[in-house]
Amino acid sequence: MRRAARVALGRATAARAEKLVPAVLRPVLITLLQTLQGAKAGTIEPRRATAIGSVARAIVAVYQVGTLEERLQALEAAQAAQGGSAA
């Protein structure tokens, strides 16, 4: 595959992935994709890429906990509104 075709394919894949990610996490995704490209090209040290990945993983974990907390609160509120008791 020619380089131009690979670049175009990579951009299309990134665009599809970006649509699947919540807006608040899109900057994290973009940074990770750029880091991957830099690591593959040899312009980013593996150590730095690992550090960026670790921070990104922590950001996603915090987001997941926040999202789950919001969902739990919504379920508890719906249950209370129906007259049920919270566990």
Protein backbone atom coordinates (compact mmCIF):
# COMPACT_ATOMS: atom_id res chain seq x y z
CA MET A 1 0.00 0.00 0.00
CA ARG A 2 1.35 3.42 -0.92
CA ARG A 3 2.12 5.90 1.85
CA ALA A 4 -0.62 8.31 0.74
CA ALA A 5 -3.18 5.50 0.85
CA ARG A 6 -2.03 4.46 4.34
CA VAL A 7 -2.25 8.05 5.58
CA ALA A 8 -5.76 8.45 4.13
CA LEU A 9 -6.84 5.13 5.67
CA GLY A 10 -5.39 6.19 9.02
CA ARG A 11 -7.26 9.48 8.91
CA ALA A 12 -10.53 7.75 8.03
CA THR A 13 -10.08 5.29 10.89
CA ALA A 14 -9.30 8.14 13.29
CA ALA A 15 -12.38 10.04 12.13
CA ARG A 16 -14.62 7.00 12.72
CA ALA A 17 -13.09 6.38 16.14
CA GLU A 18 -13.49 10.03 17.07
CA LYS A 19 -17.24 9.85 16.42
CA LEU A 20 -17.59 6.90 18.81
CA VAL A 21 -15.84 8.63 21.70
CA PRO A 22 -17.67 11.02 24.03
CA ALA A 23 -16.81 14.65 23.29
CA VAL A 24 -15.05 15.11 26.61
CA LEU A 25 -12.61 12.29 25.74
CA ARG A 26 -11.89 13.33 22.14
CA PRO A 27 -8.78 15.37 23.06
CA VAL A 28 -7.45 12.27 24.85
CA LEU A 29 -8.07 10.14 21.77
CA ILE A 30 -6.40 12.69 19.50
CA THR A 31 -3.36 12.84 21.77
CA LEU A 32 -3.12 9.05 21.84
CA LEU A 33 -3.39 8.79 18.06
CA GLN A 34 -0.71 11.46 17.62
CA THR A 35 1.48 9.68 20.17
CA LEU A 36 1.07 6.39 18.33
CA GLN A 37 2.02 8.04 15.05
CA GLY A 38 5.04 9.66 16.68
CA ALA A 39 6.14 6.41 18.27
CA LYS A 40 5.82 4.57 14.97
CA ALA A 41 7.76 7.31 13.17
CA GLY A 42 10.42 7.37 15.87
CA THR A 43 9.82 11.03 16.74
CA ILE A 44 8.55 10.29 20.26
CA GLU A 45 10.59 8.36 22.80
CA PRO A 46 8.94 5.12 23.90
CA ARG A 47 9.23 6.28 27.50
CA ARG A 48 7.28 9.45 26.75
CA ALA A 49 4.65 7.51 24.80
CA THR A 50 4.22 5.18 27.78
CA ALA A 51 3.79 8.13 30.13
CA ILE A 52 1.18 9.71 27.86
CA GLY A 53 -0.68 6.39 27.69
CA SER A 54 -0.67 6.07 31.48
CA VAL A 55 -2.10 9.55 31.95
CA ALA A 56 -4.73 8.90 29.29
CA ARG A 57 -5.72 5.66 31.02
CA ALA A 58 -6.18 7.57 34.30
CA ILE A 59 -8.32 10.22 32.57
CA VAL A 60 -10.57 7.56 31.07
CA ALA A 61 -10.90 5.79 34.44
CA VAL A 62 -12.02 9.02 36.13
CA TYR A 63 -14.50 9.66 33.32
CA GLN A 64 -15.90 6.12 33.62
CA VAL A 65 -16.40 6.46 37.38
CA GLY A 66 -18.14 9.80 36.91
CA THR A 67 -20.40 8.38 34.21
CA LEU A 68 -21.31 5.36 36.31
CA GLU A 69 -22.05 7.61 39.29
CA GLU A 70 -24.39 9.75 37.17
CA ARG A 71 -26.18 6.67 35.87
CA LEU A 72 -26.55 5.24 39.38
CA GLN A 73 -27.99 8.51 40.67
CA ALA A 74 -30.48 8.58 37.79
CA LEU A 75 -31.56 5.00 38.53
CA GLU A 76 -31.94 5.75 42.24
CA ALA A 77 -33.99 8.87 41.46
CA ALA A 78 -36.24 6.90 39.09
CA GLN A 79 -36.71 4.20 41.69
CA ALA A 80 -37.55 6.78 44.38
CA ALA A 81 -40.02 8.48 42.04
CA GLN A 82 -41.79 5.12 41.58
CA GLY A 83 -42.08 4.75 45.33
CA GLY A 84 -39.43 2.05 45.67
CA SER A 85 -36.82 2.08 48.36
CA ALA A 86 -33.13 2.46 47.61
CA ALA A 87 -30.93 -0.46 48.61
